[in-house]
Amino acid sequence: MVLSSDIPLAARYRPQLADELIGQEKIWKEGTPLWKLVHSDRFHSLLFWGPPGTGKTSLARLIGQILQRHVVELSSVEAGVKDIREAIQDSQSRMRLGDKASILFLDEIHRLNKSQQDSLLPSVESGHIKLIGATTENPSFSVNNALLSRSLTLGFSRVDTPALSRRLLAIAEREKIPVDESLALAIADASDGDVRAALNLLEACFSLVEPGKPLTLEDVRPMLATIVPHFDKKGEYHYDVISAFIKSIRASDPDAAVYYLARMLNGGEDPVFIGRRLVIAASEDIGNASPTALLLAQAALQGVKEIGMPEARILLAQATTYLASSPKSNRSYLSIGDALATVEKTGDLPVPLHLRNAVTKFMKGQDYGKGYVYAHDNPAEAAKISNLPDALKGKKFYNPSQHGSEKAIAELLQRLRP
């Protein structure tokens, strides 16, 4: 048939039955805890966490159908406390008339501020609504602890390429446009587990051939060449380009680093993700050789969150070039690795008595605190005393480099260490 509908393919082929959701079998199939909770109508608040296009909205709608409850969908980008209260009041009105409480589905719930998230708590606890929130951000960082503790959080996975390819072939068959398997695999692979992106790309490919004519990879190769970069955010961009970006900073190559930054931004990478990687690099690869690098990276990350694109690119470029041009040291990074390995090997060794607080007379009688030297009064004497457990006396975890500001730290410790 000829595609004439104004409704996008991705919307027309949303799952309509409980078992039609693909790629999330770990959390949603008959017998899973979520399946049982939903079918017994025993949940109060759910958080769906996962990448775009993995079925979070579709599952929320399916749950509404299964429970025969009214579903109110709000986008947290646009919704405010007023919209949330109206949805809650509508649900309460339905309950007074003998209907079930509504399901309030909040897409991108991480975009709600603290007061907006707090406004949900009384209604969730009282049962005046059943809440389903969807987020692409880690809920541990983006959702209030009070709401998080009242919710069951479920992680959605990217749909694997074979399953997504089979879905594309089935849809193409229903649309009476034959698609060869190599093209379906190419689209599925390029979409990187994003079902919505895959269907949008498939629909765009349909426009290149006459209805009924087989659609091959060769037919759409020119289109794929221009579209694939925007559908591969978690493939090449997360693994190859981010690796090249960090390694260019580590190698003190600002030109390469800012180039790979541009690659990521042009491909649609999340600027907040890039900002977080810069903060890690500032501590792992630069450390005490240039302590201000961590401050600058943290400031850039905060600015990116507050400003957003396209201006955020300027902050990222400043932080990237500064970090790449800074002296490098990984000695702090190595020190915690060595210390953790030692703790794993030796266990919880006794803390030296002179470091223990004598908060009772009995503790004082056991020599707690005896021999402690207040470093501000006598730094030289304090430095002569080992503060490590006896079994580790003389062990050096932190060995400063001779680069940048860390050279001065090395000289100071050389004078102080016994």
Protein backbone atom coordinates (compact mmCIF):
# COMPACT_ATOMS: atom_id res chain seq x y z
CA MET A 1 0.00 0.00 0.00
CA VAL A 2 1.05 3.61 -0.50
CA LEU A 3 2.15 5.42 2.63
CA SER A 4 -0.24 8.35 2.88
CA SER A 5 -0.75 8.70 6.63
CA ASP A 6 0.49 11.84 8.33
CA ILE A 7 1.09 9.77 11.46
CA PRO A 8 4.76 8.76 11.67
CA LEU A 9 5.60 5.10 11.29
CA ALA A 10 7.02 5.05 14.82
CA ALA A 11 3.67 6.20 16.24
CA ARG A 12 1.58 3.82 14.12
CA TYR A 13 3.56 0.78 15.22
CA ARG A 14 3.72 1.39 18.94
CA PRO A 15 3.03 -1.85 20.86
CA GLN A 16 -0.70 -2.42 21.36
CA LEU A 17 -0.56 -5.71 23.25
CA ALA A 18 1.39 -6.62 26.40
CA ASP A 19 3.71 -9.03 24.59
CA GLU A 20 4.51 -6.72 21.65
CA LEU A 21 7.19 -4.67 23.40
CA ILE A 22 10.57 -5.80 22.05
CA GLY A 23 14.01 -5.72 23.59
CA GLN A 24 12.99 -5.44 27.26
CA GLU A 25 12.38 -9.07 28.09
CA LYS A 26 14.55 -8.85 31.22
CA ILE A 27 12.00 -6.60 32.87
CA TRP A 28 8.80 -7.10 30.84
CA LYS A 29 7.57 -10.53 29.92
CA GLU A 30 5.22 -12.98 31.55
CA GLY A 31 6.61 -14.06 34.91
CA THR A 32 8.90 -11.08 35.58
CA PRO A 33 8.36 -9.12 38.82
CA LEU A 34 7.12 -6.05 36.92
CA TRP A 35 4.67 -8.14 34.88
CA LYS A 36 3.26 -9.61 38.10
CA LEU A 37 3.09 -6.23 39.85
CA VAL A 38 1.22 -4.67 36.96
CA HIS A 39 -1.18 -7.53 36.32
CA SER A 40 -2.01 -7.70 40.02
CA ASP A 41 -2.30 -3.87 40.10
CA ARG A 42 -0.01 -3.61 43.10
CA PHE A 43 2.46 -0.88 42.14
CA HIS A 44 2.35 2.74 43.28
CA SER A 45 5.29 4.46 41.62
CA LEU A 46 7.62 3.29 38.85
CA LEU A 47 10.71 4.91 37.34
CA PHE A 48 11.75 3.81 33.85
CA TRP A 49 15.41 4.59 33.20
CA GLY A 50 17.01 4.02 29.83
CA PRO A 51 18.11 5.42 26.47
CA PRO A 52 15.65 7.08 24.07
CA GLY A 53 13.50 4.87 21.88
CA THR A 54 13.60 1.77 24.09
CA GLY A 55 9.88 1.63 24.93
CA LYS A 56 9.44 3.62 28.15
CA THR A 57 6.40 5.56 26.92
CA SER A 58 4.98 2.51 25.13
CA LEU A 59 5.15 0.41 28.29
CA ALA A 60 3.46 3.14 30.34
CA ARG A 61 0.57 3.16 27.83
CA LEU A 62 0.39 -0.64 27.85
CA ILE A 63 0.16 -0.61 31.64
CA GLY A 64 -2.74 1.84 31.40
CA GLN A 65 -4.52 -0.49 28.96
CA ILE A 66 -3.90 -3.56 31.11
CA LEU A 67 -5.21 -1.88 34.26
CA GLN A 68 -7.97 -0.01 32.42
CA ARG A 69 -6.86 3.21 34.05
CA HIS A 70 -6.92 6.71 32.61
CA VAL A 71 -3.39 7.76 31.61
CA VAL A 72 -2.29 11.41 31.75
CA GLU A 73 0.93 12.04 29.83
CA LEU A 74 2.96 15.12 30.62
CA SER A 75 6.33 16.20 29.31
CA SER A 76 8.48 17.45 32.16
CA VAL A 77 10.12 19.88 29.73
CA GLU A 78 6.87 21.87 29.59
CA ALA A 79 4.83 20.77 32.62
CA GLY A 80 4.80 22.69 35.87
CA VAL A 81 3.31 22.24 39.34
CA LYS A 82 -0.01 23.58 38.05
CA ASP A 83 -0.23 20.86 35.38
CA ILE A 84 0.68 18.16 37.88
CA ARG A 85 -1.93 19.38 40.37
CA GLU A 86 -4.62 19.46 37.69
CA ALA A 87 -3.83 15.84 36.78
CA ILE A 88 -3.99 14.84 40.45
CA GLN A 89 -7.28 16.69 40.99
CA ASP A 90 -8.76 15.02 37.90
CA SER A 91 -7.70 11.63 39.27
CA GLN A 92 -9.31 12.41 42.63
CA SER A 93 -12.52 13.40 40.86
CA ARG A 94 -12.55 10.10 39.01
CA MET A 95 -12.05 8.21 42.26
CA ARG A 96 -14.98 10.04 43.87
CA LEU A 97 -17.14 8.84 40.99
CA GLY A 98 -16.06 5.26 41.61
CA ASP A 99 -13.34 5.10 38.94
CA LYS A 100 -9.73 4.01 39.49
CA ALA A 101 -6.91 6.46 40.19
CA SER A 102 -5.23 7.74 37.05
CA ILE A 103 -1.74 6.86 35.92
CA LEU A 104 0.37 10.00 35.66
CA PHE A 105 3.17 9.45 33.16
CA LEU A 106 5.92 12.07 33.38
CA ASP A 107 8.38 11.87 30.52
CA GLU A 108 11.90 13.19 31.26
CA ILE A 109 11.05 13.41 34.95
CA HIS A 110 14.66 14.40 35.69
CA ARG A 111 13.85 17.84 34.25
CA LEU A 112 11.43 18.61 37.10
CA ASN A 113 12.99 20.70 39.84
CA LYS A 114 12.94 19.69 43.50
CA SER A 115 9.67 21.45 44.36
CA GLN A 116 7.95 19.95 41.34
CA GLN A 117 9.11 16.46 42.28
CA ASP A 118 8.11 17.06 45.91
CA SER A 119 4.58 18.00 44.81
CA LEU A 120 4.08 14.39 43.68
CA LEU A 121 4.87 12.75 47.03
CA PRO A 122 1.57 13.21 48.95
CA SER A 123 -0.53 11.91 46.07
CA VAL A 124 1.74 8.91 45.48
CA GLU A 125 1.61 8.01 49.18
CA SER A 126 -2.16 8.48 49.42
CA GLY A 127 -2.84 6.50 46.25
CA HIS A 128 -4.55 9.40 44.48
CA ILE A 129 -2.35 8.69 41.47
CA LYS A 130 -0.13 5.93 40.21
CA LEU A 131 3.09 7.51 39.00
CA ILE A 132 5.29 6.36 36.14
CA GLY A 133 8.32 8.53 35.45
CA ALA A 134 10.68 8.11 32.50
CA THR A 135 14.24 9.39 32.38
CA THR A 136 17.36 9.04 30.28
CA GLU A 137 19.48 10.25 33.22
CA ASN A 138 20.66 8.14 36.14
CA PRO A 139 17.84 8.55 38.72
CA SER A 140 20.38 8.45 41.56
CA PHE A 141 21.60 11.86 40.40
CA SER A 142 18.47 13.37 38.85
CA VAL A 143 15.54 12.28 41.03
CA ASN A 144 14.96 13.41 44.62
CA ASN A 145 15.80 10.79 47.24
CA ALA A 146 12.31 11.09 48.72
CA LEU A 147 10.69 10.18 45.40
CA LEU A 148 13.37 7.63 44.57
CA SER A 149 12.79 5.75 47.81
CA ARG A 150 9.06 5.46 47.01
CA SER A 151 9.60 4.15 43.50
CA LEU A 152 10.61 0.91 41.85
CA THR A 153 13.35 1.77 39.35
CA LEU A 154 13.68 -0.35 36.21
CA GLY A 155 16.51 -0.13 33.70
CA PHE A 156 15.64 -0.30 30.00
CA SER A 157 18.25 -1.68 27.59
CA ARG A 158 19.00 -0.77 24.02
CA VAL A 159 17.21 -3.16 21.69
CA ASP A 160 19.76 -5.56 20.20
CA THR A 161 20.37 -5.38 16.47
CA PRO A 162 18.89 -8.79 15.47
CA ALA A 163 15.61 -8.16 17.32
CA LEU A 164 15.31 -4.66 15.92
CA SER A 165 16.10 -5.91 12.41
CA ARG A 166 13.34 -8.51 12.65
CA ARG A 167 10.91 -5.81 13.77
CA LEU A 168 11.81 -3.64 10.78
CA LEU A 169 11.34 -6.51 8.33
CA ALA A 170 7.91 -7.31 9.81
CA ILE A 171 6.78 -3.69 9.53
CA ALA A 172 8.08 -3.40 5.96
CA GLU A 173 6.12 -6.51 5.05
CA ARG A 174 2.93 -5.02 6.49
CA GLU A 175 3.56 -1.83 4.54
CA LYS A 176 4.00 -3.95 1.40
CA ILE A 177 7.48 -2.56 0.70
CA PRO A 178 9.93 -5.48 0.62
CA VAL A 179 13.18 -4.71 2.42
CA ASP A 180 16.21 -6.95 2.13
CA GLU A 181 17.81 -8.26 5.30
CA SER A 182 21.10 -6.41 4.79
CA LEU A 183 19.29 -3.06 4.78
CA ALA A 184 17.25 -3.95 7.87
CA LEU A 185 20.46 -4.92 9.68
CA ALA A 186 22.19 -1.71 8.56
CA ILE A 187 19.33 0.46 9.83
CA ALA A 188 19.12 -1.47 13.10
CA ASP A 189 22.87 -1.20 13.63
CA ALA A 190 22.95 2.51 12.77
CA SER A 191 20.05 3.22 15.15
CA ASP A 192 21.98 1.63 18.02
CA GLY A 193 19.01 0.11 19.80
CA ASP A 194 16.70 3.13 19.40
CA VAL A 195 13.45 1.72 17.96
CA ARG A 196 11.96 5.13 17.23
CA ALA A 197 15.08 6.24 15.37
CA ALA A 198 15.11 2.99 13.38
CA LEU A 199 11.47 3.40 12.30
CA ASN A 200 12.03 7.04 11.35
CA LEU A 201 14.99 6.02 9.21
CA LEU A 202 13.05 3.14 7.66
CA GLU A 203 10.22 5.52 6.79
CA ALA A 204 12.67 7.91 5.16
CA CYS A 205 14.05 5.01 3.12
CA PHE A 206 10.55 4.11 1.92
CA SER A 207 10.36 7.43 0.11
CA LEU A 208 13.25 6.42 -2.18
CA VAL A 209 11.45 3.63 -4.04
CA GLU A 210 8.14 3.05 -5.72
CA PRO A 211 5.58 1.05 -3.70
CA GLY A 212 6.01 -2.67 -4.18
CA LYS A 213 9.59 -2.40 -5.43
CA PRO A 214 12.18 -4.14 -3.22
CA LEU A 215 14.28 -1.77 -1.14
CA THR A 216 17.99 -2.63 -0.92
CA LEU A 217 20.97 -1.31 0.93
CA GLU A 218 22.42 0.07 -2.30
CA ASP A 219 19.24 2.11 -2.88
CA VAL A 220 19.64 4.03 0.36
CA ARG A 221 23.40 4.08 0.85
CA PRO A 222 23.65 7.82 -0.02
CA MET A 223 21.00 8.61 2.62
CA LEU A 224 22.67 6.44 5.24
CA ALA A 225 25.96 8.23 4.65
CA THR A 226 24.40 11.49 5.86
CA ILE A 227 22.04 10.14 8.54
CA VAL A 228 24.08 7.45 10.31
CA PRO A 229 26.25 9.82 12.42
CA HIS A 230 23.15 11.13 14.17
CA PHE A 231 21.94 7.62 14.94
CA ASP A 232 25.21 6.33 16.35
CA LYS A 233 25.59 8.32 19.54
CA LYS A 234 26.26 5.30 21.71
CA GLY A 235 28.30 3.32 19.19
CA GLU A 236 31.27 5.06 17.64
CA TYR A 237 30.77 8.25 19.62
CA HIS A 238 30.71 6.62 23.02
CA TYR A 239 33.58 4.26 22.42
CA ASP A 240 35.92 5.33 19.64
CA VAL A 241 35.56 9.12 19.60
CA ILE A 242 35.31 9.62 23.37
CA SER A 243 38.40 7.44 23.72
CA ALA A 244 40.25 9.55 21.15
CA PHE A 245 39.05 12.72 22.93
CA ILE A 246 40.37 11.68 26.35
CA LYS A 247 43.63 10.28 24.99
CA SER A 248 44.27 13.50 23.05
CA ILE A 249 43.85 15.50 26.27
CA ARG A 250 46.18 13.09 28.05
CA ALA A 251 48.75 13.49 25.26
CA SER A 252 48.63 17.31 25.57
CA ASP A 253 47.24 17.70 22.04
CA PRO A 254 44.61 20.47 22.21
CA ASP A 255 44.11 20.48 18.44
CA ALA A 256 43.11 16.82 18.30
CA ALA A 257 41.09 17.13 21.50
CA VAL A 258 38.96 20.01 20.25
CA TYR A 259 38.51 18.22 16.91
CA TYR A 260 37.07 15.15 18.62
CA LEU A 261 34.95 17.46 20.77
CA ALA A 262 33.50 18.87 17.54
CA ARG A 263 32.92 15.34 16.23
CA MET A 264 30.88 14.47 19.30
CA LEU A 265 28.85 17.67 19.31
CA ASN A 266 28.15 17.37 15.59
CA GLY A 267 26.98 13.79 16.11
CA GLY A 268 24.49 14.81 18.79
CA GLU A 269 26.40 13.63 21.87
CA ASP A 270 25.00 14.82 25.20
CA PRO A 271 27.14 17.84 26.25
CA VAL A 272 26.63 16.95 29.92
CA PHE A 273 28.22 13.55 29.28
CA ILE A 274 31.23 15.31 27.71
CA GLY A 275 31.44 17.69 30.68
CA ARG A 276 31.51 14.78 33.12
CA ARG A 277 34.31 13.12 31.17
CA LEU A 278 36.30 16.37 31.39
CA VAL A 279 35.91 16.44 35.18
CA ILE A 280 37.21 12.86 35.37
CA ALA A 281 40.14 13.67 33.07
CA ALA A 282 41.02 16.74 35.13
CA SER A 283 41.54 14.57 38.19
CA GLU A 284 42.78 11.34 36.62
CA ASP A 285 45.25 12.73 34.06
CA ILE A 286 46.18 16.18 35.41
CA GLY A 287 45.65 15.94 39.13
CA ASN A 288 47.93 17.97 41.36
CA ALA A 289 50.16 19.00 38.47
CA SER A 290 47.54 21.69 37.83
CA PRO A 291 44.85 21.66 40.55
CA THR A 292 42.90 24.47 38.87
CA ALA A 293 42.08 22.11 36.00
CA LEU A 294 39.55 20.30 38.19
CA LEU A 295 37.95 23.60 39.22
CA LEU A 296 37.67 24.71 35.60
CA ALA A 297 36.25 21.39 34.45
CA GLN A 298 33.69 21.37 37.26
CA ALA A 299 32.71 24.96 36.46
CA ALA A 300 32.33 24.02 32.78
CA LEU A 301 30.10 21.05 33.66
CA GLN A 302 27.87 23.22 35.84
CA GLY A 303 27.71 25.89 33.15
CA VAL A 304 26.78 23.34 30.49
CA LYS A 305 23.87 22.14 32.66
CA GLU A 306 22.62 25.69 33.19
CA ILE A 307 23.15 27.10 29.69
CA GLY A 308 22.66 24.23 27.28
CA MET A 309 23.50 24.11 23.62
CA PRO A 310 24.60 25.78 21.41
CA GLU A 311 26.47 28.10 23.81
CA ALA A 312 27.64 25.16 25.93
CA ARG A 313 30.09 24.28 23.16
CA ILE A 314 32.15 27.36 24.12
CA LEU A 315 32.53 26.22 27.73
CA LEU A 316 33.44 22.71 26.62
CA ALA A 317 36.02 24.05 24.18
CA GLN A 318 37.64 26.20 26.88
CA ALA A 319 37.83 23.33 29.34
CA THR A 320 39.08 20.91 26.68
CA THR A 321 41.90 23.14 25.45
CA TYR A 322 42.91 24.08 29.00
CA LEU A 323 43.09 20.48 30.14
CA ALA A 324 44.97 19.40 27.04
CA SER A 325 47.49 22.22 27.53
CA SER A 326 47.99 21.57 31.26
CA PRO A 327 50.91 19.66 32.81
CA LYS A 328 49.96 16.06 33.46
CA SER A 329 50.14 13.73 36.44
CA ASN A 330 48.27 10.54 37.24
CA ARG A 331 49.93 10.08 40.63
CA SER A 332 46.74 10.78 42.64
CA TYR A 333 44.89 8.26 40.48
CA LEU A 334 47.63 5.67 41.05
CA SER A 335 47.70 6.36 44.79
CA ILE A 336 44.06 5.43 45.38
CA GLY A 337 44.46 2.31 43.24
CA ASP A 338 47.45 1.22 45.28
CA ALA A 339 45.71 2.05 48.58
CA LEU A 340 42.56 0.13 47.63
CA ALA A 341 44.64 -2.90 46.60
CA THR A 342 46.47 -2.77 49.95
CA VAL A 343 43.21 -2.55 51.90
CA GLU A 344 41.86 -5.51 49.94
CA LYS A 345 44.97 -7.51 50.77
CA THR A 346 45.52 -6.53 54.42
CA GLY A 347 41.97 -5.90 55.61
CA ASP A 348 41.10 -3.48 58.44
CA LEU A 349 44.41 -3.00 60.23
CA PRO A 350 44.32 -1.34 63.68
CA VAL A 351 44.50 2.45 63.68
CA PRO A 352 47.61 3.64 65.60
CA LEU A 353 46.82 4.59 69.19
CA HIS A 354 48.08 8.17 68.88
CA LEU A 355 45.42 8.88 66.21
CA ARG A 356 42.50 7.58 68.27
CA ASN A 357 40.28 9.95 70.24
CA ALA A 358 40.23 9.32 73.98
CA VAL A 359 36.57 10.21 74.55
CA THR A 360 36.29 8.20 77.80
CA LYS A 361 38.54 7.70 80.83
CA PHE A 362 38.89 4.02 79.95
CA MET A 363 40.13 4.91 76.44
CA LYS A 364 42.64 7.34 77.91
CA GLY A 365 43.86 4.58 80.20
CA GLN A 366 44.39 2.42 77.11
CA ASP A 367 46.77 5.11 75.70
CA TYR A 368 44.32 6.41 73.13
CA GLY A 369 45.75 9.67 71.79
CA LYS A 370 49.08 9.23 73.57
CA GLY A 371 51.99 10.69 71.63
CA TYR A 372 49.82 12.69 69.24
CA VAL A 373 51.55 15.86 67.97
CA TYR A 374 49.38 18.79 66.84
CA ALA A 375 50.82 19.52 63.40
CA HIS A 376 50.01 23.24 63.47
CA ASP A 377 52.15 23.68 66.56
CA ASN A 378 55.03 21.48 65.47
CA PRO A 379 54.86 20.42 61.81
CA ALA A 380 58.38 18.99 61.74
CA GLU A 381 57.77 16.67 64.71
CA ALA A 382 54.31 15.69 63.41
CA ALA A 383 55.82 14.71 60.06
CA LYS A 384 58.27 12.32 61.76
CA ILE A 385 55.45 10.18 63.19
CA SER A 386 53.95 7.48 60.96
CA ASN A 387 50.16 7.62 60.83
CA LEU A 388 49.77 4.33 58.98
CA PRO A 389 49.02 1.07 60.78
CA ASP A 390 52.22 -0.59 62.07
CA ALA A 391 52.11 -3.28 59.38
CA LEU A 392 52.30 -0.58 56.68
CA LYS A 393 54.85 1.69 58.30
CA GLY A 394 57.02 3.31 55.63
CA LYS A 395 54.60 2.50 52.79
CA LYS A 396 54.28 5.31 50.19
CA PHE A 397 51.03 5.44 48.25
CA TYR A 398 51.38 8.94 46.83
CA ASN A 399 54.55 9.70 44.92
CA PRO A 400 54.25 13.17 43.34
CA SER A 401 55.62 13.76 39.86
CA GLN A 402 58.03 16.53 38.84
CA HIS A 403 55.41 18.20 36.62
CA GLY A 404 53.71 21.55 37.19
CA SER A 405 52.48 22.37 40.68
CA GLU A 406 53.11 18.80 41.80
CA LYS A 407 56.85 19.41 41.70
CA ALA A 408 56.48 21.75 44.69
CA ILE A 409 54.41 19.10 46.49
CA ALA A 410 57.16 16.55 45.85
CA GLU A 411 59.79 18.88 47.29
CA LEU A 412 57.68 19.59 50.40
CA LEU A 413 57.04 15.90 51.06
CA GLN A 414 60.71 15.10 50.55
CA ARG A 415 61.55 17.54 53.34
CA LEU A 416 58.78 16.33 55.66
CA ARG A 417 58.79 12.59 55.16
CA PRO A 418 61.11 10.70 57.56
